[in-house]
Protein backbone atom coordinates (compact mmCIF):
# COMPACT_ATOMS: atom_id res chain seq x y z
CA MET A 1 -2.63 -2.56 -1.94
CA GLY A 2 -3.16 -5.57 -4.20
CA GLN A 3 -0.91 -3.96 -6.88
CA ILE A 4 2.65 -5.43 -8.32
CA VAL A 5 5.54 -2.77 -7.38
CA LYS A 6 9.03 -3.27 -7.36
CA VAL A 7 11.05 -3.33 -4.13
CA THR A 8 14.85 -2.90 -3.38
CA ILE A 9 16.49 -4.99 -0.42
CA THR A 10 17.85 -2.65 2.04
CA ASN A 11 18.43 -5.40 5.18
CA ILE A 12 17.90 -8.93 6.07
CA VAL A 13 16.66 -9.69 9.49
CA ASN A 14 15.72 -13.14 11.14
CA PHE A 15 11.97 -12.44 10.76
CA GLY A 16 12.33 -11.22 7.10
CA ALA A 17 13.81 -8.22 4.94
CA PHE A 18 13.36 -4.22 5.08
CA CYS A 19 12.82 -3.05 1.37
CA ASP A 20 12.38 0.50 -0.31
CA VAL A 21 9.30 0.33 -2.19
CA THR A 22 7.55 3.28 -4.11
CA ILE A 23 3.63 2.88 -4.56
CA ASP A 24 1.96 5.85 -6.41
CA GLY A 25 4.96 7.90 -6.41
CA LYS A 26 5.72 7.48 -2.41
CA VAL A 27 8.42 5.80 -0.92
CA TYR A 28 7.57 3.82 1.80
CA ASN A 29 9.95 1.54 3.74
CA GLY A 30 8.51 -2.21 3.42
CA LEU A 31 8.58 -5.20 5.20
CA ILE A 32 8.63 -8.89 3.79
CA HIS A 33 7.83 -11.14 6.50
CA ILE A 34 9.67 -14.55 6.56
CA SER A 35 6.36 -16.37 5.73
CA GLU A 36 5.60 -14.01 2.99
CA ILE A 37 8.73 -14.96 1.01
CA THR A 38 7.79 -18.36 -0.26
CA ASP A 39 5.33 -21.16 -0.20
CA ALA A 40 8.09 -23.54 1.30
CA TYR A 41 9.14 -23.33 5.01
CA VAL A 42 12.04 -20.71 5.43
CA THR A 43 14.69 -21.13 8.09
CA ASN A 44 17.01 -18.44 6.58
CA VAL A 45 16.11 -15.76 4.50
CA ASN A 46 19.76 -15.10 3.46
CA ASP A 47 19.18 -18.25 1.56
CA HIS A 48 16.15 -16.47 -0.54
CA LEU A 49 17.00 -12.80 -0.47
CA SER A 50 19.93 -10.40 -0.43
CA VAL A 51 20.64 -6.34 0.15
CA GLY A 52 20.32 -4.99 -2.98
CA GLN A 53 18.46 -7.23 -4.77
CA GLU A 54 15.75 -5.80 -6.88
CA LEU A 55 12.49 -8.01 -7.81
CA ASP A 56 8.66 -7.84 -7.96
CA GLY A 57 6.40 -7.59 -4.83
CA TYR A 58 2.57 -7.92 -3.79
CA VAL A 59 1.37 -4.76 -1.76
CA ILE A 60 -0.78 -6.22 1.44
CA SER A 61 -1.17 -3.01 3.07
CA ILE A 62 -0.30 0.55 3.59
CA ASP A 63 0.51 2.12 7.05
CA GLU A 64 0.11 6.12 5.47
CA PRO A 65 0.88 7.71 9.06
CA LYS A 66 4.44 5.57 9.52
CA GLN A 67 4.95 5.28 5.53
CA GLN A 68 5.61 1.85 6.11
CA ALA A 69 4.10 -1.25 3.26
CA LYS A 70 3.98 -5.02 4.09
CA ILE A 71 4.80 -6.63 1.09
CA SER A 72 4.43 -10.09 -0.21
CA LEU A 73 6.74 -11.87 -2.43
CA LYS A 74 4.75 -15.40 -2.68
CA ARG A 75 1.59 -13.78 -3.88
CA VAL A 76 3.49 -12.28 -7.24
């Protein structure tokens, strides 16, 4: 947690975006909540992200049993 990692956007939904992220050699499904995309108010995630886009993300938390990570873009 607390590290900067490369993420690849895999799906966009109305509440944020899902991504693939590798942390310490393990691949996780990541979620970037709409509130973690930017400091500005986001009404449409598609205005900020697109499927296949690669960018840096900040690891907020990791749920090892579920192999899921919460990611922030605005904290990078």
